[in-house]
Protein backbone atom coordinates (compact mmCIF):
# COMPACT_ATOMS: atom_id res chain seq x y z
CA UNK A 1 116.37 49.83 58.87
CA UNK A 2 118.14 51.66 61.59
CA UNK A 3 116.69 51.87 65.15
CA UNK A 4 115.91 55.69 65.00
CA UNK A 5 113.82 54.98 61.61
CA UNK A 6 112.05 52.25 63.56
CA UNK A 7 110.85 54.26 66.38
CA UNK A 8 109.92 57.36 64.30
CA UNK A 9 107.80 55.02 62.27
CA UNK A 10 105.88 53.28 65.20
CA UNK A 11 105.64 56.07 67.32
CA UNK A 12 103.82 58.12 64.40
CA UNK A 13 101.69 55.24 63.85
CA UNK A 14 100.53 55.58 67.28
CA UNK A 15 100.21 59.03 67.28
CA UNK A 16 97.74 58.89 64.02
CA UNK A 17 95.97 55.88 65.86
CA UNK A 18 95.20 58.25 69.08
CA UNK A 19 94.29 61.19 66.77
CA UNK A 20 91.39 59.28 65.03
CA UNK A 21 90.15 58.03 68.45
CA UNK A 22 90.81 60.86 70.78
CA UNK A 23 88.06 63.56 70.48
CA UNK A 24 88.45 65.46 73.87
CA UNK A 25 91.25 68.02 73.05
CA UNK A 26 91.85 69.96 76.08
CA UNK A 27 92.35 74.08 75.70
CA UNK A 28 95.75 75.62 75.10
CA UNK A 29 97.00 78.67 76.67
CA UNK A 30 96.32 82.24 75.11
CA UNK A 31 100.05 82.15 73.93
CA UNK A 32 99.84 79.46 71.36
CA UNK A 33 98.02 81.99 69.35
CA UNK A 34 99.52 85.41 70.13
CA UNK A 35 101.26 87.31 67.65
CA UNK A 36 104.89 88.13 67.87
CA UNK A 37 104.33 91.77 68.67
CA UNK A 38 101.74 90.41 71.20
CA UNK A 39 104.14 88.36 72.88
CA UNK A 40 106.44 90.94 72.89
CA UNK A 41 104.55 93.64 74.49
CA UNK A 42 103.00 91.36 76.90
CA UNK A 43 106.64 90.75 77.95
CA UNK A 44 106.84 94.48 78.80
CA UNK A 45 109.08 95.36 75.92
CA UNK A 46 108.34 97.84 73.07
CA UNK A 47 107.74 96.29 69.66
CA UNK A 48 107.97 96.92 66.00
CA UNK A 49 106.99 95.66 62.61
CA UNK A 50 108.43 96.00 59.50
CA UNK A 51 109.01 94.22 55.98
CA UNK A 52 111.89 92.99 53.87
CA UNK A 53 111.04 92.07 50.00
CA UNK A 54 113.04 89.84 47.99
CA UNK A 55 114.09 89.81 44.46
CA UNK A 56 111.93 86.62 43.46
CA UNK A 57 108.22 88.49 45.44
CA UNK A 58 108.23 87.27 48.80
CA UNK A 59 107.66 89.62 51.89
CA UNK A 60 108.81 88.97 55.08
CA UNK A 61 108.00 90.40 58.55
CA UNK A 62 111.06 91.31 60.65
CA UNK A 63 110.09 91.80 64.18
CA UNK A 64 112.01 94.09 66.06
CA UNK A 65 112.35 95.11 70.21
CA UNK A 66 114.28 98.45 70.14
CA UNK A 67 114.65 98.52 73.76
CA UNK A 68 114.80 96.94 76.91
CA UNK A 69 112.10 96.83 79.61
CA UNK A 70 113.61 99.18 82.04
CA UNK A 71 114.77 101.70 78.91
CA UNK A 72 110.93 101.28 77.70
CA UNK A 73 109.56 101.98 81.23
CA UNK A 74 112.10 105.07 81.64
CA UNK A 75 111.84 106.91 78.89
CA UNK A 76 108.48 106.00 76.88
CA UNK A 77 109.33 105.88 73.42
CA UNK A 78 112.73 104.03 73.40
CA UNK A 79 115.55 105.82 71.33
CA UNK A 80 117.92 103.41 69.08
CA UNK A 81 120.61 105.90 67.96
CA UNK A 82 123.96 104.23 68.41
CA UNK A 83 122.49 100.85 69.45
CA UNK A 84 124.32 97.85 67.75
CA UNK A 85 121.92 95.70 66.07
CA UNK A 86 121.50 91.95 66.34
CA UNK A 87 119.24 89.76 63.86
CA UNK A 88 118.09 86.26 64.85
CA UNK A 89 116.89 83.80 62.34
CA UNK A 90 115.01 81.02 63.20
CA UNK A 91 115.20 77.14 61.97
CA UNK A 92 113.17 74.82 60.53
CA UNK A 93 109.28 74.70 61.41
CA UNK A 94 110.05 77.77 63.20
CA UNK A 95 109.76 81.56 63.16
CA UNK A 96 110.80 84.79 64.74
CA UNK A 97 108.48 83.34 67.81
CA UNK A 98 110.88 80.76 68.74
CA UNK A 99 112.92 83.63 70.32
CA UNK A 100 110.25 85.18 72.68
CA UNK A 101 107.80 82.41 73.15
CA UNK A 102 109.86 81.33 76.66
CA UNK A 103 109.44 84.27 77.91
CA UNK A 104 111.89 87.49 79.38
CA UNK A 105 113.71 84.95 81.62
CA UNK A 106 114.91 82.57 79.21
CA UNK A 107 114.39 83.59 75.58
CA UNK A 108 117.25 85.14 73.45
CA UNK A 109 116.25 88.42 72.30
CA UNK A 110 114.92 89.65 75.30
CA UNK A 111 118.19 89.03 77.02
CA UNK A 112 119.88 91.09 74.04
CA UNK A 113 117.54 93.70 74.27
CA UNK A 114 118.25 94.00 78.00
CA UNK A 115 121.98 93.86 77.47
CA UNK A 116 121.38 97.09 75.06
CA UNK A 117 120.79 95.81 71.54
CA UNK A 118 118.74 96.68 69.14
CA UNK A 119 117.15 93.15 68.41
CA UNK A 120 115.79 91.93 65.07
CA UNK A 121 114.07 89.05 64.30
CA UNK A 122 113.82 87.76 60.80
CA UNK A 123 111.34 85.03 59.27
CA UNK A 124 112.00 82.88 56.20
CA UNK A 125 109.64 82.67 53.39
CA UNK A 126 107.27 79.71 54.00
CA UNK A 127 106.30 80.51 57.73
CA UNK A 128 102.96 82.27 58.32
CA UNK A 129 104.79 85.80 58.68
CA UNK A 130 105.67 85.76 54.94
CA UNK A 131 103.69 85.79 51.96
CA UNK A 132 104.46 86.44 47.91
CA UNK A 133 103.48 89.74 46.07
CA UNK A 134 101.26 87.51 43.49
CA UNK A 135 101.41 84.14 44.41
CA UNK A 136 98.91 82.49 47.20
CA UNK A 137 99.95 79.76 49.87
CA UNK A 138 97.51 77.26 47.39
CA UNK A 139 99.87 77.70 44.39
CA UNK A 140 102.59 75.07 44.05
CA UNK A 141 104.73 77.68 42.74
CA UNK A 142 104.65 79.32 46.33
CA UNK A 143 106.45 76.27 47.35
CA UNK A 144 109.40 75.78 45.20
CA UNK A 145 112.34 76.50 47.66
CA UNK A 146 114.66 75.44 49.89
CA UNK A 147 117.00 77.00 52.31
CA UNK A 148 119.16 77.61 48.88
CA UNK A 149 116.52 80.54 48.39
CA UNK A 150 116.83 81.55 52.38
CA UNK A 151 120.20 81.96 51.93
CA UNK A 152 120.27 83.60 48.12
CA UNK A 153 117.13 85.87 48.69
CA UNK A 154 115.65 86.04 52.23
CA UNK A 155 118.88 86.57 54.62
CA UNK A 156 120.02 89.56 52.00
CA UNK A 157 116.82 91.07 51.93
CA UNK A 158 116.75 91.05 55.85
CA UNK A 159 120.05 92.15 56.48
CA UNK A 160 119.59 95.12 54.03
CA UNK A 161 116.35 96.12 55.96
CA UNK A 162 118.04 96.02 58.84
CA UNK A 163 120.92 98.16 57.80
CA UNK A 164 118.56 100.76 56.03
CA UNK A 165 116.39 101.57 59.00
CA UNK A 166 118.93 101.54 61.24
CA UNK A 167 121.78 103.28 58.88
CA UNK A 168 124.48 101.10 60.28
CA UNK A 169 127.00 99.82 58.11
CA UNK A 170 126.93 96.20 59.65
CA UNK A 171 125.12 93.77 62.27
CA UNK A 172 126.06 90.58 64.06
CA UNK A 173 124.15 87.84 62.83
CA UNK A 174 122.45 84.95 65.22
CA UNK A 175 121.55 81.36 63.29
CA UNK A 176 119.60 78.46 64.90
CA UNK A 177 119.42 75.24 62.79
CA UNK A 178 118.41 76.05 59.25
CA UNK A 179 119.14 80.07 60.11
CA UNK A 180 123.01 78.71 60.24
CA UNK A 181 122.23 76.80 56.96
CA UNK A 182 120.84 79.84 55.61
CA UNK A 183 123.73 82.09 56.73
CA UNK A 184 126.08 79.78 55.24
CA UNK A 185 124.51 79.17 52.00
CA UNK A 186 124.50 83.25 51.90
CA UNK A 187 127.91 83.35 52.35
CA UNK A 188 128.59 81.05 49.33
CA UNK A 189 125.96 82.59 46.73
CA UNK A 190 126.83 86.04 47.75
CA UNK A 191 129.95 86.61 49.52
CA UNK A 192 129.68 90.44 49.20
CA UNK A 193 127.34 90.23 52.42
CA UNK A 194 130.83 89.38 54.75
CA UNK A 195 130.90 92.81 54.69
CA UNK A 196 127.44 93.51 56.42
CA UNK A 197 128.20 91.46 58.85
CA UNK A 198 130.13 91.41 62.29
CA UNK A 199 130.26 88.30 63.52
CA UNK A 200 128.23 85.04 62.94
CA UNK A 201 126.94 82.86 66.21
CA UNK A 202 125.67 79.37 64.90
CA UNK A 203 123.28 77.56 67.29
CA UNK A 204 123.34 73.82 66.40
CA UNK A 205 124.58 74.53 62.95
CA UNK A 206 123.22 72.25 60.43
CA UNK A 207 125.54 71.96 57.78
CA UNK A 208 126.63 68.53 57.86
CA UNK A 209 124.43 65.72 58.76
CA UNK A 210 126.10 62.43 58.11
CA UNK A 211 124.33 61.23 61.29
CA UNK A 212 120.63 61.00 59.90
CA UNK A 213 121.71 59.42 56.35
CA UNK A 214 119.90 56.33 56.94
CA UNK A 215 117.32 58.24 57.99
CA UNK A 216 116.92 60.84 54.81
CA UNK A 217 117.62 57.51 52.71
CA UNK A 218 114.55 55.73 54.10
CA UNK A 219 112.24 59.01 53.87
CA UNK A 220 113.05 60.06 50.66
CA UNK A 221 114.42 56.97 48.80
CA UNK A 222 112.89 53.83 50.13
CA UNK A 223 109.49 55.28 51.02
CA UNK A 224 109.44 59.09 49.36
CA UNK A 225 107.32 60.65 51.88
CA UNK A 226 107.35 64.08 50.02
CA UNK A 227 106.13 62.74 46.60
CA UNK A 228 103.56 60.80 47.84
CA UNK A 229 102.17 63.42 49.89
CA UNK A 230 102.40 65.79 46.77
CA UNK A 231 99.95 63.40 45.03
CA UNK A 232 97.51 63.51 47.84
CA UNK A 233 97.53 67.40 47.24
CA UNK A 234 99.65 68.31 50.17
CA UNK A 235 101.58 71.14 48.49
CA UNK A 236 103.76 71.56 51.70
CA UNK A 237 104.59 70.29 54.97
CA UNK A 238 101.57 71.85 56.62
CA UNK A 239 99.14 70.65 59.12
CA UNK A 240 95.77 71.89 58.81
CA UNK A 241 94.98 74.44 62.14
CA UNK A 242 92.02 72.39 63.12
CA UNK A 243 94.01 69.29 63.35
CA UNK A 244 97.13 70.88 64.56
CA UNK A 245 94.89 72.51 67.55
CA UNK A 246 93.18 69.33 68.17
CA UNK A 247 96.48 67.18 68.06
CA UNK A 248 98.04 69.47 70.42
CA UNK A 249 95.36 70.01 72.91
CA UNK A 250 94.80 66.32 73.66
CA UNK A 251 97.97 64.08 72.33
CA UNK A 252 100.61 66.68 73.14
CA UNK A 253 99.22 67.89 76.17
CA UNK A 254 99.06 64.46 78.71
CA UNK A 255 102.26 65.65 81.02
CA UNK A 256 103.38 62.30 81.57
CA UNK A 257 106.70 61.19 79.63
CA UNK A 258 105.53 57.78 78.93
CA UNK A 259 102.50 58.78 77.34
CA UNK A 260 103.47 62.01 75.55
CA UNK A 261 103.95 60.77 71.96
CA UNK A 262 104.71 64.15 70.69
CA UNK A 263 107.69 64.09 72.76
CA UNK A 264 108.68 61.06 72.32
CA UNK A 265 108.37 61.23 68.61
CA UNK A 266 110.42 64.45 68.44
CA UNK A 267 113.16 63.30 71.12
CA UNK A 268 113.81 60.09 68.71
CA UNK A 269 114.78 62.36 66.43
CA UNK A 270 116.71 65.60 68.22
CA UNK A 271 117.67 63.69 71.60
CA UNK A 272 115.78 63.09 75.04
CA UNK A 273 116.05 65.30 77.65
CA UNK A 274 112.66 65.57 79.80
CA UNK A 275 114.35 67.58 82.55
CA UNK A 276 114.52 70.69 80.36
CA UNK A 277 111.39 69.87 78.87
CA UNK A 278 108.70 72.59 80.14
CA UNK A 279 105.03 70.98 80.05
CA UNK A 280 103.29 73.81 80.30
CA UNK A 281 105.20 75.18 77.51
CA UNK A 282 105.49 72.13 74.99
CA UNK A 283 101.78 72.24 73.85
CA UNK A 284 102.05 75.85 72.73
CA UNK A 285 105.53 75.23 71.11
CA UNK A 286 103.87 72.67 69.14
CA UNK A 287 101.33 74.55 68.22
CA UNK A 288 102.96 77.43 66.87
CA UNK A 289 105.41 74.68 64.46
CA UNK A 290 105.37 76.51 61.20
CA UNK A 291 104.47 75.46 57.46
CA UNK A 292 107.87 74.36 55.19
CA UNK A 293 108.33 73.31 51.99
CA UNK A 294 108.87 69.68 50.95
CA UNK A 295 111.93 71.00 49.01
CA UNK A 296 113.51 72.50 52.33
CA UNK A 297 113.50 68.65 53.54
CA UNK A 298 114.61 66.62 50.56
CA UNK A 299 117.50 69.46 50.09
CA UNK A 300 118.73 68.61 53.70
CA UNK A 301 117.84 64.43 53.14
CA UNK A 302 120.71 65.07 50.05
CA UNK A 303 122.95 66.48 52.23
CA UNK A 304 122.82 63.73 54.38
CA UNK A 305 122.87 61.29 51.95
CA UNK A 306 125.78 63.01 49.83
CA UNK A 307 127.48 63.81 53.08
CA UNK A 308 128.31 67.07 50.98
CA UNK A 309 127.13 70.45 51.42
CA UNK A 310 125.65 70.64 48.52
CA UNK A 311 123.22 73.21 46.51
CA UNK A 312 119.86 71.54 45.36
CA UNK A 313 120.81 71.89 41.37
CA UNK A 314 118.33 69.19 39.82
CA UNK A 315 116.82 67.71 42.95
CA UNK A 316 117.48 64.65 45.42
CA UNK A 317 119.08 62.55 42.50
CA UNK A 318 120.76 65.78 40.73
CA UNK A 319 124.07 66.91 40.38
CA UNK A 320 126.31 67.27 43.65
CA UNK A 321 127.90 71.08 43.74
CA UNK A 322 129.74 71.96 47.30
CA UNK A 323 128.78 75.44 48.82
CA UNK A 324 132.15 77.36 48.73
CA UNK A 325 132.86 77.58 52.35
CA UNK A 326 136.09 79.03 51.88
CA UNK A 327 133.47 82.63 51.12
CA UNK A 328 133.12 83.23 54.70
CA UNK A 329 135.23 85.86 55.84
CA UNK A 330 133.38 86.96 59.26
CA UNK A 331 134.40 85.38 62.70
CA UNK A 332 132.19 82.32 63.14
CA UNK A 333 131.50 80.81 66.86
CA UNK A 334 129.84 77.50 66.90
CA UNK A 335 127.70 75.93 69.69
CA UNK A 336 126.78 72.36 69.78
CA UNK A 337 124.50 70.47 72.51
CA UNK A 338 126.23 67.33 74.06
CA UNK A 339 123.02 65.58 73.11
CA UNK A 340 121.89 66.74 70.03
CA UNK A 341 121.09 63.66 67.81
CA UNK A 342 119.89 66.04 64.90
CA UNK A 343 122.95 68.40 64.35
CA UNK A 344 125.55 65.86 66.37
CA UNK A 345 128.66 67.09 67.57
CA UNK A 346 131.23 65.26 65.45
CA UNK A 347 129.44 67.04 62.17
CA UNK A 348 129.82 69.97 64.06
CA UNK A 349 133.22 69.37 64.78
CA UNK A 350 133.47 68.35 60.90
CA UNK A 351 132.25 72.31 60.24
CA UNK A 352 134.76 73.57 62.56
CA UNK A 353 137.68 71.79 61.27
CA UNK A 354 137.02 73.17 57.54
CA UNK A 355 136.60 76.99 58.71
CA UNK A 356 139.49 76.57 61.06
CA UNK A 357 141.28 76.00 58.22
CA UNK A 358 140.29 79.33 56.50
CA UNK A 359 141.14 81.26 60.04
CA UNK A 360 137.60 82.22 60.50
CA UNK A 361 136.61 80.02 63.60
CA UNK A 362 136.22 82.14 66.80
CA UNK A 363 135.42 79.04 68.35
CA UNK A 364 133.58 76.08 68.99
CA UNK A 365 132.26 74.79 72.18
CA UNK A 366 129.04 73.39 73.81
CA UNK A 367 126.52 74.94 74.27
CA UNK A 368 126.08 75.00 78.32
CA UNK A 369 127.67 72.16 80.60
CA UNK A 370 124.59 69.94 80.56
CA UNK A 371 124.98 66.88 79.16
CA UNK A 372 121.53 66.05 77.99
CA UNK A 373 121.23 69.36 76.06
CA UNK A 374 119.49 68.31 72.64
CA UNK A 375 118.64 70.41 69.32
CA UNK A 376 115.61 71.83 70.91
CA UNK A 377 116.56 72.80 73.93
CA UNK A 378 118.72 76.15 72.20
CA UNK A 379 115.28 77.59 72.13
CA UNK A 380 112.72 75.81 74.65
CA UNK A 381 114.53 74.57 77.47
CA UNK A 382 113.36 75.08 80.81
CA UNK A 383 116.27 76.76 82.04
CA UNK A 384 117.45 77.93 78.74
CA UNK A 385 118.23 81.55 80.42
CA UNK A 386 120.68 80.51 82.78
CA UNK A 387 122.05 77.35 80.63
CA UNK A 388 122.62 78.92 77.60
CA UNK A 389 121.55 82.81 77.00
CA UNK A 390 123.30 84.15 80.25
CA UNK A 391 126.92 83.17 79.39
CA UNK A 392 125.68 83.79 75.76
CA UNK A 393 125.41 87.69 75.98
CA UNK A 394 128.98 87.65 77.77
CA UNK A 395 130.29 86.14 74.17
CA UNK A 396 128.01 88.62 72.18
CA UNK A 397 129.71 91.32 73.86
CA UNK A 398 133.02 90.34 73.69
CA UNK A 399 132.38 89.79 69.83
CA UNK A 400 131.11 93.37 69.67
CA UNK A 401 134.01 94.77 71.53
CA UNK A 402 136.57 92.77 69.55
CA UNK A 403 135.16 93.32 65.99
CA UNK A 404 132.61 95.97 65.83
CA UNK A 405 134.71 98.55 64.66
CA UNK A 406 136.45 96.61 62.01
């Protein structure tokens, strides 16, 4: 068993032990419970809420920031006529809130709004900003999806909704982690959506995951955690709200690296970067973690174990059917973290080589110069604004200037 697996298991066992013994949870900041529109308006920006519906019945909330703070103060109800639209899509266990929770001086959505863009924040099926027309979350069928359905149904539905409301022919897409996986899946399964996307910026793209093969094999083959938990009535990777609040308020709020088991568990998987951990915000971030389906985790595990960006087919042990990355026709920028242990640089360079061979690679580079920049830092770093987002806005401006009229 690899050292990474050992570390994760040991820390998880310790965490569970403390959960049983520790009863004095600390209170959390109100941001832990605020809705995404509340976070947006509290930061001084206008906010809208829209819904997209998928062909298989899921209802997905879209949160919109149609203008920056200065424009909103100057004109009251902001005009969005002629604005360029950007759609941001979150990663695993995340939501639209990931792009606003760090506030206007750090979160990407606010930088985009202040730069004059019409900003749309998507939500993939399963998180608490989504529902189904007929199925409840207590129905096992609600959870029968992976990122395959995100790419085949959810992302196209969100793109169509944005374009329908704005009247624009195209938008720019920014994905983080699983939000990139969903994009590449969409282009493989629905290549007609190339005509609706100007360019794609992939933050910590999760396509090849050979580096976590041992962890995936242990979790899905040797132990088979998902089926064990399914057999105990857990329909999804979800923590009960009361338990999550207790855990975050106590174990995840100690503010000492040597005692903070939550961050130690997280860093064992994504790469350690205590320098960029905001101790005030980390309990809030953990408290806002979203539900996921077991199949999402299993599908990522299948990719890690096979070394192939494959569809789900008949499950973990089912047929291997590679997604067709040659269907991607839009310019793609890949950004990696030098210390990202989950979507590792070597795996992103493998993806870059494929995209370069078909002529769509706009560029591949480190997200910033900070050597400890890890997977979570792309949305939660303490100095996120200066390290990543200010330079990223300049790159997005260049993409729009270069391809916006194409």
